[in-house]
Amino acid sequence: MSTHHIGANPGDFAKVVLMPGDPKRARWIAETFLKNPRLVNSVRGALAYTGASPAGLPVSVMASGMGIPSIGIYSHELYAEYGVEAIIRIGTMGSYQEKVKLRDIVIAEGASTDSSYLSEHLLCGNYSATADFSLLVKSAKAAIDLGLPYHVGNILSSDVFYDADPENWKKWKRLGILGVEMEAYGLYANAALLGKKALAICTITDSFVGEGSLSIEERQAGVKDMVRLALLTADEYTASTKK
């Protein structure tokens, strides 16, 4: 079986999929963290692998591409056609708040957006896209167990990387938005539409409030912590479904 954008076979994906944006990062995660990873998709360069977590539980990792439309396509097909139950986005983001420091982890309780992903096509209103609570709680507990600095709250999923108004972010900061990325809202919306589970975990690699950006080496270290956290969250979910 294949879909319009995924060439995998039935059963190729685990119940839980970790979803970074970058295909090279998906490959790095599979080769660095998974036991016996096997490539299950390479269509359009959206690399996907399935293997076992360090604890020996099945897990997949697949690139989402960049932006809400891209993760919207891949998450929909994974949920609707491949029996995936939970997707955990793992990515990087920019901080809007002084308390949210470089290298910190953000677990997105909700995702606000400047996108019309749902409003133009489904709703005559604004949908508040939120994470699955059980995944969120598991992730927060795992962050505590790992001793990682983390924040739980609302983030912005933006359609715009280069904003024509360089001060626009301050309006979101005023509302308590922790930071900005480009995918979580689409993932959360699809999970709600299809009765599935979703969570976004992001590493702060850039700051709008004066801290600058991490170097390439520092980003890699921060991403490793995020992946460890996501894998523990995935393991907790997979183990709970076997009880």
C-alpha atoms as a PDB file:
ATOM      1  CA  MET A   1       0.000   0.000   0.000  1.00  0.00           C
ATOM      2  CA  SER A   2       1.185   3.508  -0.699  1.00  0.00           C
ATOM      3  CA  THR A   3      -0.397   6.935  -0.465  1.00  0.00           C
ATOM      4  CA  HIS A   4       0.090  10.023  -2.603  1.00  0.00           C
ATOM      5  CA  HIS A   5       3.239  10.945  -0.672  1.00  0.00           C
ATOM      6  CA  ILE A   6       4.389   7.868   1.270  1.00  0.00           C
ATOM      7  CA  GLY A   7       5.598   4.644  -0.344  1.00  0.00           C
ATOM      8  CA  ALA A   8       5.647   2.423   2.749  1.00  0.00           C
ATOM      9  CA  ASN A   9       3.865  -0.905   3.128  1.00  0.00           C
ATOM     10  CA  PRO A  10       1.184  -1.816   5.702  1.00  0.00           C
ATOM     11  CA  GLY A  11       2.783  -2.385   9.087  1.00  0.00           C
ATOM     12  CA  ASP A  12       5.940  -0.449   8.232  1.00  0.00           C
ATOM     13  CA  PHE A  13       5.258   2.247  10.835  1.00  0.00           C
ATOM     14  CA  ALA A  14       5.147   1.831  14.602  1.00  0.00           C
ATOM     15  CA  LYS A  15       2.244   3.185  16.648  1.00  0.00           C
ATOM     16  CA  VAL A  16       4.355   6.218  17.568  1.00  0.00           C
ATOM     17  CA  VAL A  17       6.254   8.355  15.054  1.00  0.00           C
ATOM     18  CA  LEU A  18       8.824  10.984  15.970  1.00  0.00           C
ATOM     19  CA  MET A  19       8.689  13.764  13.387  1.00  0.00           C
ATOM     20  CA  PRO A  20      11.553  16.207  12.845  1.00  0.00           C
ATOM     21  CA  GLY A  21      11.348  18.584   9.905  1.00  0.00           C
ATOM     22  CA  ASP A  22      14.684  17.791   8.263  1.00  0.00           C
ATOM     23  CA  PRO A  23      15.147  14.460   6.406  1.00  0.00           C
ATOM     24  CA  LYS A  24      18.843  14.435   7.340  1.00  0.00           C
ATOM     25  CA  ARG A  25      17.886  14.808  10.997  1.00  0.00           C
ATOM     26  CA  ALA A  26      15.448  11.900  10.648  1.00  0.00           C
ATOM     27  CA  ARG A  27      18.262   9.756   9.289  1.00  0.00           C
ATOM     28  CA  TRP A  28      20.639  10.907  12.038  1.00  0.00           C
ATOM     29  CA  ILE A  29      18.070  10.084  14.737  1.00  0.00           C
ATOM     30  CA  ALA A  30      17.486   6.632  13.271  1.00  0.00           C
ATOM     31  CA  GLU A  31      21.194   5.851  12.961  1.00  0.00           C
ATOM     32  CA  THR A  32      22.120   7.344  16.352  1.00  0.00           C
ATOM     33  CA  PHE A  33      19.284   6.254  18.625  1.00  0.00           C
ATOM     34  CA  LEU A  34      17.324   3.359  17.101  1.00  0.00           C
ATOM     35  CA  LYS A  35      18.188  -0.303  17.163  1.00  0.00           C
ATOM     36  CA  ASN A  36      18.118  -2.000  13.755  1.00  0.00           C
ATOM     37  CA  PRO A  37      16.525   0.912  11.876  1.00  0.00           C
ATOM     38  CA  ARG A  38      15.206   0.193   8.417  1.00  0.00           C
ATOM     39  CA  LEU A  39      14.265   2.707   5.763  1.00  0.00           C
ATOM     40  CA  VAL A  40      10.512   2.501   5.057  1.00  0.00           C
ATOM     41  CA  ASN A  41      10.036   5.626   2.936  1.00  0.00           C
ATOM     42  CA  SER A  42      12.147   7.851   0.706  1.00  0.00           C
ATOM     43  CA  VAL A  43       9.453   9.292  -1.588  1.00  0.00           C
ATOM     44  CA  ARG A  44      10.118  13.018  -2.197  1.00  0.00           C
ATOM     45  CA  GLY A  45      13.094  12.740   0.119  1.00  0.00           C
ATOM     46  CA  ALA A  46      10.866  12.495   3.221  1.00  0.00           C
ATOM     47  CA  LEU A  47      12.998   9.821   4.866  1.00  0.00           C
ATOM     48  CA  ALA A  48      11.252   7.498   7.318  1.00  0.00           C
ATOM     49  CA  TYR A  49      12.727   4.721   9.448  1.00  0.00           C
ATOM     50  CA  THR A  50      11.327   2.130  11.831  1.00  0.00           C
ATOM     51  CA  GLY A  51      13.311   0.375  14.522  1.00  0.00           C
ATOM     52  CA  ALA A  52      13.420  -0.063  18.264  1.00  0.00           C
ATOM     53  CA  SER A  53      14.040   2.549  20.923  1.00  0.00           C
ATOM     54  CA  PRO A  54      17.003   2.099  23.309  1.00  0.00           C
ATOM     55  CA  ALA A  55      14.494   0.359  25.614  1.00  0.00           C
ATOM     56  CA  GLY A  56      13.602  -2.082  22.843  1.00  0.00           C
ATOM     57  CA  LEU A  57      10.119  -0.763  22.018  1.00  0.00           C
ATOM     58  CA  PRO A  58       8.996  -0.141  18.421  1.00  0.00           C
ATOM     59  CA  VAL A  59       9.184   3.444  17.191  1.00  0.00           C
ATOM     60  CA  SER A  60       9.393   5.235  13.859  1.00  0.00           C
ATOM     61  CA  VAL A  61      10.924   8.523  12.783  1.00  0.00           C
ATOM     62  CA  MET A  62       9.915  10.470   9.668  1.00  0.00           C
ATOM     63  CA  ALA A  63      10.697  13.899   8.266  1.00  0.00           C
ATOM     64  CA  SER A  64       7.749  16.276   8.023  1.00  0.00           C
ATOM     65  CA  GLY A  65       9.268  18.909   5.772  1.00  0.00           C
ATOM     66  CA  MET A  66       8.853  22.583   6.551  1.00  0.00           C
ATOM     67  CA  GLY A  67       5.613  24.352   7.474  1.00  0.00           C
ATOM     68  CA  ILE A  68       2.015  23.504   8.320  1.00  0.00           C
ATOM     69  CA  PRO A  69       0.970  22.337   4.823  1.00  0.00           C
ATOM     70  CA  SER A  70       3.812  19.797   4.691  1.00  0.00           C
ATOM     71  CA  ILE A  71       3.328  18.300   8.153  1.00  0.00           C
ATOM     72  CA  GLY A  72      -0.406  18.438   7.448  1.00  0.00           C
ATOM     73  CA  ILE A  73      -0.014  16.079   4.493  1.00  0.00           C
ATOM     74  CA  TYR A  74       2.352  13.593   6.129  1.00  0.00           C
ATOM     75  CA  SER A  75       0.609  13.447   9.490  1.00  0.00           C
ATOM     76  CA  HIS A  76      -2.776  12.940   7.797  1.00  0.00           C
ATOM     77  CA  GLU A  77      -1.507  10.003   5.753  1.00  0.00           C
ATOM     78  CA  LEU A  78       0.266   8.431   8.735  1.00  0.00           C
ATOM     79  CA  TYR A  79      -2.827   8.727  10.923  1.00  0.00           C
ATOM     80  CA  ALA A  80      -5.417   7.801   8.295  1.00  0.00           C
ATOM     81  CA  GLU A  81      -3.621   5.182   6.199  1.00  0.00           C
ATOM     82  CA  TYR A  82      -0.871   3.602   8.293  1.00  0.00           C
ATOM     83  CA  GLY A  83      -2.523   3.121  11.680  1.00  0.00           C
ATOM     84  CA  VAL A  84      -0.229   5.535  13.493  1.00  0.00           C
ATOM     85  CA  GLU A  85      -1.728   6.477  16.854  1.00  0.00           C
ATOM     86  CA  ALA A  86       0.590   9.226  18.071  1.00  0.00           C
ATOM     87  CA  ILE A  87       3.000  11.655  16.429  1.00  0.00           C
ATOM     88  CA  ILE A  88       5.566  13.583  18.433  1.00  0.00           C
ATOM     89  CA  ARG A  89       7.003  16.553  16.578  1.00  0.00           C
ATOM     90  CA  ILE A  90      10.612  17.262  17.535  1.00  0.00           C
ATOM     91  CA  GLY A  91      12.018  20.514  16.264  1.00  0.00           C
ATOM     92  CA  THR A  92      13.706  23.808  17.013  1.00  0.00           C
ATOM     93  CA  MET A  93      12.144  27.135  17.867  1.00  0.00           C
ATOM     94  CA  GLY A  94      12.842  30.736  18.747  1.00  0.00           C
ATOM     95  CA  SER A  95      12.066  32.063  22.218  1.00  0.00           C
ATOM     96  CA  TYR A  96       9.752  35.036  22.801  1.00  0.00           C
ATOM     97  CA  GLN A  97      10.172  35.114  26.605  1.00  0.00           C
ATOM     98  CA  GLU A  98      13.142  36.009  28.817  1.00  0.00           C
ATOM     99  CA  LYS A  99      12.490  32.984  31.046  1.00  0.00           C
ATOM    100  CA  VAL A 100      12.743  30.610  28.068  1.00  0.00           C
ATOM    101  CA  LYS A 101      16.483  30.297  27.561  1.00  0.00           C
ATOM    102  CA  LEU A 102      18.639  28.886  24.810  1.00  0.00           C
ATOM    103  CA  ARG A 103      18.877  25.061  25.093  1.00  0.00           C
ATOM    104  CA  ASP A 104      15.636  24.880  27.119  1.00  0.00           C
ATOM    105  CA  ILE A 105      12.928  22.417  26.086  1.00  0.00           C
ATOM    106  CA  VAL A 106       9.412  23.631  25.273  1.00  0.00           C
ATOM    107  CA  ILE A 107       6.535  21.156  25.481  1.00  0.00           C
ATOM    108  CA  ALA A 108       3.664  22.729  23.584  1.00  0.00           C
ATOM    109  CA  GLU A 109       0.400  22.557  25.492  1.00  0.00           C
ATOM    110  CA  GLY A 110      -1.281  24.533  22.726  1.00  0.00           C
ATOM    111  CA  ALA A 111      -0.384  26.027  19.364  1.00  0.00           C
ATOM    112  CA  SER A 112      -1.636  29.406  18.209  1.00  0.00           C
ATOM    113  CA  THR A 113      -1.206  30.340  14.559  1.00  0.00           C
ATOM    114  CA  ASP A 114      -1.287  33.029  11.919  1.00  0.00           C
ATOM    115  CA  SER A 115      -2.212  30.341   9.382  1.00  0.00           C
ATOM    116  CA  SER A 116      -5.610  29.847   7.749  1.00  0.00           C
ATOM    117  CA  TYR A 117      -5.086  26.058   7.780  1.00  0.00           C
ATOM    118  CA  LEU A 118      -8.514  25.354   9.277  1.00  0.00           C
ATOM    119  CA  SER A 119     -10.389  28.635   9.204  1.00  0.00           C
ATOM    120  CA  GLU A 120     -10.720  28.914   5.412  1.00  0.00           C
ATOM    121  CA  HIS A 121     -11.550  25.280   4.724  1.00  0.00           C
ATOM    122  CA  LEU A 122     -13.468  23.960   7.695  1.00  0.00           C
ATOM    123  CA  LEU A 123     -14.495  26.558  10.218  1.00  0.00           C
ATOM    124  CA  CYS A 124     -16.125  29.950  10.410  1.00  0.00           C
ATOM    125  CA  GLY A 125     -14.098  30.679  13.523  1.00  0.00           C
ATOM    126  CA  ASN A 126     -10.781  30.044  15.233  1.00  0.00           C
ATOM    127  CA  TYR A 127      -9.813  26.585  16.470  1.00  0.00           C
ATOM    128  CA  SER A 128      -7.551  26.291  19.515  1.00  0.00           C
ATOM    129  CA  ALA A 129      -5.176  23.434  18.698  1.00  0.00           C
ATOM    130  CA  THR A 130      -3.923  21.568  21.759  1.00  0.00           C
ATOM    131  CA  ALA A 131      -1.676  18.642  22.576  1.00  0.00           C
ATOM    132  CA  ASP A 132      -2.832  15.273  23.803  1.00  0.00           C
ATOM    133  CA  PHE A 133      -2.840  15.575  27.596  1.00  0.00           C
ATOM    134  CA  SER A 134      -1.561  12.066  28.296  1.00  0.00           C
ATOM    135  CA  LEU A 135       1.467  12.575  26.032  1.00  0.00           C
ATOM    136  CA  LEU A 136       2.081  16.000  27.541  1.00  0.00           C
ATOM    137  CA  VAL A 137       2.102  14.633  31.100  1.00  0.00           C
ATOM    138  CA  LYS A 138       4.393  11.753  30.120  1.00  0.00           C
ATOM    139  CA  SER A 139       6.801  14.182  28.444  1.00  0.00           C
ATOM    140  CA  ALA A 140       6.886  16.599  31.392  1.00  0.00           C
ATOM    141  CA  LYS A 141       7.589  13.720  33.799  1.00  0.00           C
ATOM    142  CA  ALA A 142      10.353  12.423  31.535  1.00  0.00           C
ATOM    143  CA  ALA A 143      11.916  15.910  31.400  1.00  0.00           C
ATOM    144  CA  ILE A 144      11.979  15.979  35.197  1.00  0.00           C
ATOM    145  CA  ASP A 145      13.503  12.490  35.339  1.00  0.00           C
ATOM    146  CA  LEU A 146      16.208  13.540  32.845  1.00  0.00           C
ATOM    147  CA  GLY A 147      16.879  16.792  34.684  1.00  0.00           C
ATOM    148  CA  LEU A 148      16.185  18.927  31.617  1.00  0.00           C
ATOM    149  CA  PRO A 149      15.101  22.580  31.866  1.00  0.00           C
ATOM    150  CA  TYR A 150      11.655  22.686  30.317  1.00  0.00           C
ATOM    151  CA  HIS A 151       8.560  24.868  29.902  1.00  0.00           C
ATOM    152  CA  VAL A 152       4.957  23.924  29.165  1.00  0.00           C
ATOM    153  CA  GLY A 153       2.679  26.428  27.483  1.00  0.00           C
ATOM    154  CA  ASN A 154       1.337  27.991  24.312  1.00  0.00           C
ATOM    155  CA  ILE A 155       3.496  28.446  21.243  1.00  0.00           C
ATOM    156  CA  LEU A 156       3.069  30.081  17.828  1.00  0.00           C
ATOM    157  CA  SER A 157       3.060  28.057  14.615  1.00  0.00           C
ATOM    158  CA  SER A 158       3.722  30.662  11.964  1.00  0.00           C
ATOM    159  CA  ASP A 159       3.432  30.534   8.193  1.00  0.00           C
ATOM    160  CA  VAL A 160       6.024  33.316   7.970  1.00  0.00           C
ATOM    161  CA  PHE A 161       9.759  32.994   8.597  1.00  0.00           C
ATOM    162  CA  TYR A 162      10.796  36.420   7.304  1.00  0.00           C
ATOM    163  CA  ASP A 163       8.144  38.733   8.742  1.00  0.00           C
ATOM    164  CA  ALA A 164       7.621  42.031   6.900  1.00  0.00           C
ATOM    165  CA  ASP A 165       7.025  43.616  10.317  1.00  0.00           C
ATOM    166  CA  PRO A 166      10.103  42.859  12.471  1.00  0.00           C
ATOM    167  CA  GLU A 167       8.213  43.929  15.610  1.00  0.00           C
ATOM    168  CA  ASN A 168       5.179  41.684  15.082  1.00  0.00           C
ATOM    169  CA  TRP A 169       6.488  38.983  17.435  1.00  0.00           C
ATOM    170  CA  LYS A 170       6.096  41.329  20.389  1.00  0.00           C
ATOM    171  CA  LYS A 171       2.289  41.094  20.097  1.00  0.00           C
ATOM    172  CA  TRP A 172       2.518  37.333  20.634  1.00  0.00           C
ATOM    173  CA  LYS A 173       5.027  37.749  23.456  1.00  0.00           C
ATOM    174  CA  ARG A 174       2.541  40.001  25.244  1.00  0.00           C
ATOM    175  CA  LEU A 175       0.000  37.169  25.181  1.00  0.00           C
ATOM    176  CA  GLY A 176       2.449  34.819  26.894  1.00  0.00           C
ATOM    177  CA  ILE A 177       3.435  32.829  23.810  1.00  0.00           C
ATOM    178  CA  LEU A 178       6.656  30.982  24.676  1.00  0.00           C
ATOM    179  CA  GLY A 179       8.170  30.960  21.195  1.00  0.00           C
ATOM    180  CA  VAL A 180       7.706  30.339  17.496  1.00  0.00           C
ATOM    181  CA  GLU A 181       8.050  27.393  15.110  1.00  0.00           C
ATOM    182  CA  MET A 182       6.184  26.415  11.934  1.00  0.00           C
ATOM    183  CA  GLU A 183       4.468  23.022  12.247  1.00  0.00           C
ATOM    184  CA  ALA A 184       2.739  22.147  15.533  1.00  0.00           C
ATOM    185  CA  TYR A 185      -0.654  23.707  14.765  1.00  0.00           C
ATOM    186  CA  GLY A 186      -1.140  21.582  11.645  1.00  0.00           C
ATOM    187  CA  LEU A 187      -0.191  18.428  13.531  1.00  0.00           C
ATOM    188  CA  TYR A 188      -2.501  19.181  16.457  1.00  0.00           C
ATOM    189  CA  ALA A 189      -5.381  20.049  14.143  1.00  0.00           C
ATOM    190  CA  ASN A 190      -5.035  16.803  12.180  1.00  0.00           C
ATOM    191  CA  ALA A 191      -4.864  14.753  15.370  1.00  0.00           C
ATOM    192  CA  ALA A 192      -8.112  16.374  16.528  1.00  0.00           C
ATOM    193  CA  LEU A 193      -9.830  15.815  13.184  1.00  0.00           C
ATOM    194  CA  LEU A 194      -8.829  12.142  13.063  1.00  0.00           C
ATOM    195  CA  GLY A 195      -9.164  11.240  16.748  1.00  0.00           C
ATOM    196  CA  LYS A 196      -5.424  10.668  17.217  1.00  0.00           C
ATOM    197  CA  LYS A 197      -2.706  11.899  19.595  1.00  0.00           C
ATOM    198  CA  ALA A 198      -0.075  14.583  19.024  1.00  0.00           C
ATOM    199  CA  LEU A 199       2.606  16.450  20.917  1.00  0.00           C
ATOM    200  CA  ALA A 200       5.303  18.950  19.941  1.00  0.00           C
ATOM    201  CA  ILE A 201       8.603  19.078  21.826  1.00  0.00           C
ATOM    202  CA  CYS A 202      11.042  21.770  20.738  1.00  0.00           C
ATOM    203  CA  THR A 203      14.533  22.906  21.644  1.00  0.00           C
ATOM    204  CA  ILE A 204      15.181  26.636  21.921  1.00  0.00           C
ATOM    205  CA  THR A 205      17.972  27.384  19.445  1.00  0.00           C
ATOM    206  CA  ASP A 206      17.273  31.088  18.823  1.00  0.00           C
ATOM    207  CA  SER A 207      16.030  33.988  20.915  1.00  0.00           C
ATOM    208  CA  PHE A 208      14.087  37.139  20.090  1.00  0.00           C
ATOM    209  CA  VAL A 209      14.869  38.587  23.510  1.00  0.00           C
ATOM    210  CA  GLY A 210      18.608  39.144  23.352  1.00  0.00           C
ATOM    211  CA  GLU A 211      20.329  35.758  23.743  1.00  0.00           C
ATOM    212  CA  GLY A 212      21.141  35.283  20.065  1.00  0.00           C
ATOM    213  CA  SER A 213      21.460  31.782  18.587  1.00  0.00           C
ATOM    214  CA  LEU A 214      23.179  28.507  19.361  1.00  0.00           C
ATOM    215  CA  SER A 215      26.200  27.400  17.373  1.00  0.00           C
ATOM    216  CA  ILE A 216      25.960  24.281  15.208  1.00  0.00           C
ATOM    217  CA  GLU A 217      27.661  22.223  17.930  1.00  0.00           C
ATOM    218  CA  GLU A 218      25.375  23.604  20.643  1.00  0.00           C
ATOM    219  CA  ARG A 219      22.284  22.902  18.516  1.00  0.00           C
ATOM    220  CA  GLN A 220      23.336  19.287  18.108  1.00  0.00           C
ATOM    221  CA  ALA A 221      23.717  18.831  21.864  1.00  0.00           C
ATOM    222  CA  GLY A 222      20.313  20.397  22.502  1.00  0.00           C
ATOM    223  CA  VAL A 223      18.678  18.237  19.861  1.00  0.00           C
ATOM    224  CA  LYS A 224      20.106  15.103  21.485  1.00  0.00           C
ATOM    225  CA  ASP A 225      18.398  15.962  24.781  1.00  0.00           C
ATOM    226  CA  MET A 226      15.115  16.591  22.953  1.00  0.00           C
ATOM    227  CA  VAL A 227      15.307  13.264  21.114  1.00  0.00           C
ATOM    228  CA  ARG A 228      16.029  11.397  24.369  1.00  0.00           C
ATOM    229  CA  LEU A 229      12.966  13.072  25.900  1.00  0.00           C
ATOM    230  CA  ALA A 230      10.778  12.234  22.901  1.00  0.00           C
ATOM    231  CA  LEU A 231      11.910   8.590  22.927  1.00  0.00           C
ATOM    232  CA  LEU A 232      11.098   8.241  26.616  1.00  0.00           C
ATOM    233  CA  THR A 233       7.664   9.757  25.951  1.00  0.00           C
ATOM    234  CA  ALA A 234       7.114   7.364  23.051  1.00  0.00           C
ATOM    235  CA  ASP A 235       8.179   4.400  25.186  1.00  0.00           C
ATOM    236  CA  GLU A 236       5.776   5.417  27.961  1.00  0.00           C
ATOM    237  CA  TYR A 237       2.922   5.603  25.470  1.00  0.00           C
ATOM    238  CA  THR A 238       3.754   2.300  23.764  1.00  0.00           C
ATOM    239  CA  ALA A 239       4.120   0.516  27.106  1.00  0.00           C
ATOM    240  CA  SER A 240       0.799   1.913  28.329  1.00  0.00           C
ATOM    241  CA  THR A 241      -1.051   0.564  25.289  1.00  0.00           C
ATOM    242  CA  LYS A 242       0.181  -2.953  26.024  1.00  0.00           C
ATOM    243  CA  LYS A 243      -1.322  -3.061  29.510  1.00  0.00           C
END
